[in-house]
Amino acid sequence: MKLKVRIFVSVFSILIWSSCSSDSSEFDKQLSDSENPTEEFIPDVINLEEKTFNIISLGDSYTIGESVCSTCRFPEQLKDSILEKRENTKVSLKVIARTGWTTTALINAIEKEELLEDYDLATLLIGVNNQFQRKPFELFEDEFPKLVNTAIQLTDLSKDKLIVISIPDYAFTPFGRGSSVISEGIDVYNSYIENYCNENNITFVNITDITKQGLILTELVADDGLHPSALAYSKFVSRILPEACRAIDIDCK
C-alpha cells in the first residue's frame, strides 16, 4: 500500500513539474516576443505634425488680381498649391496690394499696417505703375530696395524667404496694342529688378515671358483687356511654387 502511494505521489509530482515547465517555457516565449517585437507589430503610419505657414504678398493690381475672382489671383492660387503639397497644413495669407499703387503708395500702405515679423514667406511684385505713371526711374531705384528690405524684415530677416516676381508686360494686351515703347519701359524695370536680386542673393522669378504671349493666346488676358487672367496666374504659380516650397522647406515633388 505504501509503495502504491509513493508511486502515485512521484507520478503526480512529475506531472506538476512538467506542467509548470511548459507554462514557464510559454511565458518565457511571450516575454521574449514582447521584448523583441516583430515588424508586424510596428504601425506603418506616419503622422505629419500640423503646420501653419504665414504668407504675405505685397504689390499692386497684379497681386490683388484686378478683374479676376478673389481666389484666382496668384497669391491665392499659390496658397492652394501649397495646401495640395502637404497634408495637415494650414496657410494664412495676408495681401497688401491695390490697383494703381506705385512703390511710394505700397510703402505708405505697409507703414499703416500692424504686421507680424515672422512670416514664413513673402512675395513682392511692384513697379508697373511707376512706369505707367511715368514716375522718375530714380524714384524706383530708391524705393524698390526699401521695399525689399521691408519684406525681408517681415520674414524675421530671412532673405531666403522672399520671392521677387518680375513685372508683366501689358504691351501684349488689347490695351497695350503691342506697343514697343511700353515693352521697352517694362524691360528697363525688370532688368533693374533682376540685377538687384542677383547681386543681393534674393530669389527672382521671371514670369514676363508668359504675359508676352497675350496677343496670341488671348486666354492669358482678363476680360478687361489689360490684366492677366486666372489662367495666366496659374502659369505664374507653376514657376513660383518650387521656390516657395524651398523657402518653407516642404517637398513639392
Protein backbone atom coordinates (compact mmCIF):
# COMPACT_ATOMS: atom_id res chain seq x y z
CA MET A 1 0.00 0.00 0.00
CA LYS A 2 2.78 2.43 0.90
CA LEU A 3 4.56 1.56 -2.35
CA LYS A 4 1.48 2.44 -4.39
CA VAL A 5 1.16 5.74 -2.55
CA ARG A 6 4.82 6.57 -3.23
CA ILE A 7 4.45 5.72 -6.92
CA PHE A 8 1.32 7.86 -7.16
CA VAL A 9 2.99 10.78 -5.42
CA SER A 10 6.02 10.51 -7.71
CA VAL A 11 3.91 10.40 -10.86
CA PHE A 12 1.79 13.31 -9.63
CA SER A 13 4.94 15.34 -8.89
CA ILE A 14 6.31 14.66 -12.37
CA LEU A 15 3.05 15.78 -13.95
CA ILE A 16 3.03 19.02 -11.93
CA TRP A 17 6.68 19.75 -12.82
CA SER A 18 6.03 19.07 -16.45
CA SER A 19 3.05 21.40 -16.48
CA CYS A 20 4.92 24.17 -14.69
CA SER A 21 7.88 23.74 -17.01
CA SER A 22 5.58 24.02 -20.03
CA ASP A 23 3.87 27.11 -18.64
CA SER A 24 7.22 28.66 -17.81
CA SER A 25 8.50 27.94 -21.29
CA GLU A 26 5.42 29.55 -22.85
CA PHE A 27 5.74 32.54 -20.51
CA ASP A 28 9.42 32.97 -21.44
CA LYS A 29 8.47 32.82 -25.13
CA GLN A 30 5.82 35.51 -24.69
CA LEU A 31 8.23 37.66 -22.72
CA SER A 32 10.86 37.25 -25.39
CA ASP A 33 8.35 38.19 -28.10
CA SER A 34 7.31 41.32 -26.22
CA GLU A 35 10.93 42.38 -25.75
CA ASN A 36 11.75 41.74 -29.41
CA PRO A 37 8.60 42.63 -31.33
CA THR A 38 8.49 41.59 -34.93
CA GLU A 39 7.83 44.08 -37.74
CA GLU A 40 4.15 43.15 -37.90
CA PHE A 41 3.58 44.93 -34.59
CA ILE A 42 5.09 48.22 -35.80
CA PRO A 43 2.40 50.51 -37.24
CA ASP A 44 3.21 51.65 -40.75
CA VAL A 45 1.69 55.13 -40.30
CA ILE A 46 3.45 58.50 -40.33
CA ASN A 47 1.55 61.41 -38.88
CA LEU A 48 2.78 64.80 -40.06
CA GLU A 49 2.65 67.44 -37.38
CA GLU A 50 0.12 70.12 -38.27
CA LYS A 51 1.88 73.24 -39.50
CA THR A 52 0.62 76.74 -40.23
CA PHE A 53 2.50 78.81 -42.81
CA ASN A 54 2.06 82.57 -42.79
CA ILE A 55 2.43 84.25 -46.17
CA ILE A 56 2.40 87.94 -47.06
CA SER A 57 2.08 89.23 -50.63
CA LEU A 58 2.97 92.84 -51.44
CA GLY A 59 2.18 94.60 -54.69
CA ASP A 60 -0.35 96.27 -56.94
CA SER A 61 -3.10 95.16 -59.36
CA TYR A 62 -1.09 92.08 -60.37
CA THR A 63 -1.10 90.89 -56.76
CA ILE A 64 -4.63 91.86 -55.79
CA GLY A 65 -5.87 90.23 -59.00
CA GLU A 66 -7.68 93.00 -60.84
CA SER A 67 -10.54 91.65 -63.00
CA VAL A 68 -10.30 88.05 -61.75
CA CYS A 69 -12.09 86.31 -58.89
CA SER A 70 -10.73 86.63 -55.35
CA THR A 71 -9.45 83.05 -55.37
CA CYS A 72 -7.95 83.38 -58.88
CA ARG A 73 -5.17 85.85 -58.07
CA PHE A 74 -1.74 84.32 -57.83
CA PRO A 75 -1.28 84.54 -54.02
CA GLU A 76 -4.49 82.55 -53.51
CA GLN A 77 -3.51 80.01 -56.15
CA LEU A 78 -0.09 79.71 -54.51
CA LYS A 79 -1.77 79.14 -51.15
CA ASP A 80 -3.98 76.38 -52.60
CA SER A 81 -1.00 74.75 -54.31
CA ILE A 82 0.93 74.58 -51.03
CA LEU A 83 -2.06 73.01 -49.30
CA GLU A 84 -2.15 70.34 -52.01
CA LYS A 85 1.52 69.53 -51.48
CA ARG A 86 1.48 68.94 -47.72
CA GLU A 87 -1.10 67.23 -45.52
CA ASN A 88 -2.05 68.60 -42.10
CA THR A 89 -1.17 72.09 -43.23
CA LYS A 90 -2.81 75.47 -42.86
CA VAL A 91 -1.85 78.61 -44.78
CA SER A 92 -2.61 82.11 -43.55
CA LEU A 93 -2.41 84.69 -46.34
CA LYS A 94 -2.07 88.46 -45.93
CA VAL A 95 -2.28 90.59 -49.09
CA ILE A 96 -1.28 94.26 -49.17
CA ALA A 97 -1.94 95.42 -52.70
CA ARG A 98 -4.20 97.70 -54.70
CA THR A 99 -4.69 98.59 -58.33
CA GLY A 100 -2.68 101.69 -59.28
CA TRP A 101 -0.18 101.51 -56.45
CA THR A 102 3.36 102.73 -57.12
CA THR A 103 6.32 101.88 -54.91
CA THR A 104 5.54 105.02 -52.89
CA ALA A 105 1.92 104.01 -52.33
CA LEU A 106 2.93 100.49 -51.27
CA ILE A 107 5.49 101.83 -48.79
CA ASN A 108 2.86 104.13 -47.27
CA ALA A 109 0.31 101.31 -47.04
CA ILE A 110 2.72 98.97 -45.29
CA GLU A 111 3.58 101.64 -42.73
CA LYS A 112 -0.09 101.88 -41.76
CA GLU A 113 -0.37 98.14 -41.10
CA GLU A 114 0.38 96.30 -37.88
CA LEU A 115 2.23 93.32 -39.26
CA LEU A 116 3.97 90.27 -37.89
CA GLU A 117 7.68 89.98 -38.42
CA ASP A 118 7.80 86.20 -38.62
CA TYR A 119 6.17 85.43 -41.96
CA ASP A 120 7.28 82.13 -43.46
CA LEU A 121 7.15 83.53 -46.98
CA ALA A 122 6.86 86.95 -48.66
CA THR A 123 6.26 87.85 -52.30
CA LEU A 124 6.89 91.23 -53.89
CA LEU A 125 5.66 92.35 -57.33
CA ILE A 126 5.76 96.11 -57.89
CA GLY A 127 6.77 98.72 -60.44
CA VAL A 128 4.29 98.71 -63.30
CA ASN A 129 2.55 101.87 -62.09
CA ASN A 130 5.85 103.68 -61.69
CA GLN A 131 6.34 103.01 -65.40
CA PHE A 132 2.72 103.68 -66.40
CA GLN A 133 2.53 106.95 -64.44
CA ARG A 134 5.93 107.99 -65.79
CA LYS A 135 7.49 108.42 -62.40
CA PRO A 136 11.24 109.17 -62.43
CA PHE A 137 13.16 105.90 -62.66
CA GLU A 138 15.43 107.20 -59.90
CA LEU A 139 12.43 107.02 -57.58
CA PHE A 140 12.13 103.28 -58.25
CA GLU A 141 15.86 102.82 -57.73
CA ASP A 142 15.45 104.45 -54.32
CA GLU A 143 12.20 102.82 -53.18
CA PHE A 144 12.46 99.28 -54.55
CA PRO A 145 15.39 98.38 -52.25
CA LYS A 146 13.43 99.82 -49.33
CA LEU A 147 10.51 97.53 -50.11
CA VAL A 148 12.84 94.55 -50.43
CA ASN A 149 14.38 95.30 -47.03
CA THR A 150 10.92 95.75 -45.50
CA ALA A 151 9.80 92.38 -46.89
CA ILE A 152 12.92 90.72 -45.51
CA GLN A 153 12.24 92.29 -42.12
CA LEU A 154 8.74 90.80 -42.21
CA THR A 155 10.27 87.33 -42.63
CA ASP A 156 12.34 87.71 -39.47
CA LEU A 157 15.32 88.90 -41.52
CA SER A 158 15.43 85.72 -43.61
CA LYS A 159 16.06 86.87 -47.18
CA ASP A 160 15.73 83.30 -48.45
CA LYS A 161 12.01 83.54 -47.60
CA LEU A 162 11.43 86.40 -50.04
CA ILE A 163 10.41 85.86 -53.66
CA VAL A 164 10.53 88.85 -56.03
CA ILE A 165 8.44 88.47 -59.18
CA SER A 166 9.03 90.25 -62.48
CA ILE A 167 6.55 92.80 -63.86
CA PRO A 168 4.09 91.52 -66.50
CA ASP A 169 4.34 93.22 -69.90
CA TYR A 170 0.99 94.85 -70.57
CA ALA A 171 2.09 95.84 -74.08
CA PHE A 172 0.91 92.38 -75.13
CA THR A 173 -2.75 93.06 -74.34
CA PRO A 174 -5.59 94.70 -76.27
CA PHE A 175 -4.95 97.79 -74.13
CA GLY A 176 -1.23 97.88 -74.92
CA ARG A 177 -1.68 97.03 -78.62
CA GLY A 178 1.82 95.64 -78.89
CA SER A 179 3.46 98.98 -78.06
CA SER A 180 7.24 98.72 -78.25
CA VAL A 181 7.53 101.81 -76.04
CA ILE A 182 5.62 100.09 -73.23
CA SER A 183 7.55 96.87 -73.63
CA GLU A 184 10.93 98.61 -73.62
CA GLY A 185 9.92 100.52 -70.50
CA ILE A 186 8.90 97.34 -68.68
CA ASP A 187 12.17 95.71 -69.74
CA VAL A 188 14.14 98.54 -68.09
CA TYR A 189 12.35 97.97 -64.79
CA ASN A 190 12.67 94.22 -64.95
CA SER A 191 16.37 94.38 -65.80
CA TYR A 192 16.98 96.52 -62.74
CA ILE A 193 14.89 94.21 -60.52
CA GLU A 194 16.63 91.06 -61.72
CA ASN A 195 20.12 92.55 -61.38
CA TYR A 196 19.36 93.83 -57.90
CA CYS A 197 18.10 90.41 -56.79
CA ASN A 198 21.09 88.60 -58.28
CA GLU A 199 23.54 90.97 -56.63
CA ASN A 200 21.85 90.55 -53.24
CA ASN A 201 21.15 86.79 -53.40
CA ILE A 202 17.38 87.24 -53.46
CA THR A 203 15.11 84.81 -55.27
CA PHE A 204 13.80 86.26 -58.53
CA VAL A 205 11.09 84.58 -60.62
CA ASN A 206 10.59 85.75 -64.19
CA ILE A 207 7.00 85.48 -65.44
CA THR A 208 7.14 88.30 -68.02
CA ASP A 209 7.61 85.97 -70.98
CA ILE A 210 4.27 84.34 -70.13
CA THR A 211 2.48 87.67 -70.48
CA LYS A 212 4.24 88.41 -73.77
CA GLN A 213 2.06 85.72 -75.34
CA GLY A 214 -1.09 87.70 -74.52
CA LEU A 215 -1.86 88.89 -78.04
CA ILE A 216 -1.56 85.37 -79.43
CA LEU A 217 -3.03 83.41 -76.52
CA THR A 218 -5.89 85.72 -75.65
CA GLU A 219 -6.99 83.45 -72.81
CA LEU A 220 -4.00 84.79 -70.85
CA VAL A 221 -5.65 88.23 -70.64
CA ALA A 222 -8.55 89.07 -68.31
CA ASP A 223 -11.86 90.38 -69.62
CA ASP A 224 -10.76 93.98 -69.04
CA GLY A 225 -8.22 93.61 -71.85
CA LEU A 226 -5.32 94.69 -69.64
CA HIS A 227 -4.61 92.41 -66.67
CA PRO A 228 -3.59 88.74 -66.52
CA SER A 229 -6.34 86.13 -66.44
CA ALA A 230 -6.75 83.34 -63.89
CA LEU A 231 -5.02 81.02 -66.37
CA ALA A 232 -2.05 83.37 -66.62
CA TYR A 233 -1.82 83.50 -62.82
CA SER A 234 -1.82 79.70 -62.68
CA LYS A 235 1.17 79.73 -65.02
CA PHE A 236 2.86 82.27 -62.72
CA VAL A 237 2.30 79.93 -59.78
CA SER A 238 3.82 76.97 -61.62
CA ARG A 239 7.10 78.90 -61.58
CA ILE A 240 6.74 80.43 -58.13
CA LEU A 241 5.70 77.23 -56.32
CA PRO A 242 9.08 75.40 -56.42
CA GLU A 243 10.78 78.45 -54.90
CA ALA A 244 8.02 78.80 -52.31
CA CYS A 245 8.34 75.16 -51.29
CA ARG A 246 12.10 75.56 -50.94
CA ALA A 247 11.61 78.67 -48.81
CA ILE A 248 9.19 76.99 -46.39
CA ASP A 249 11.03 73.65 -46.57
CA ILE A 250 8.36 71.30 -47.92
CA ASP A 251 8.54 68.67 -50.65
CA CYS A 252 6.87 69.84 -53.85
CA LYS A 253 7.51 66.68 -55.85
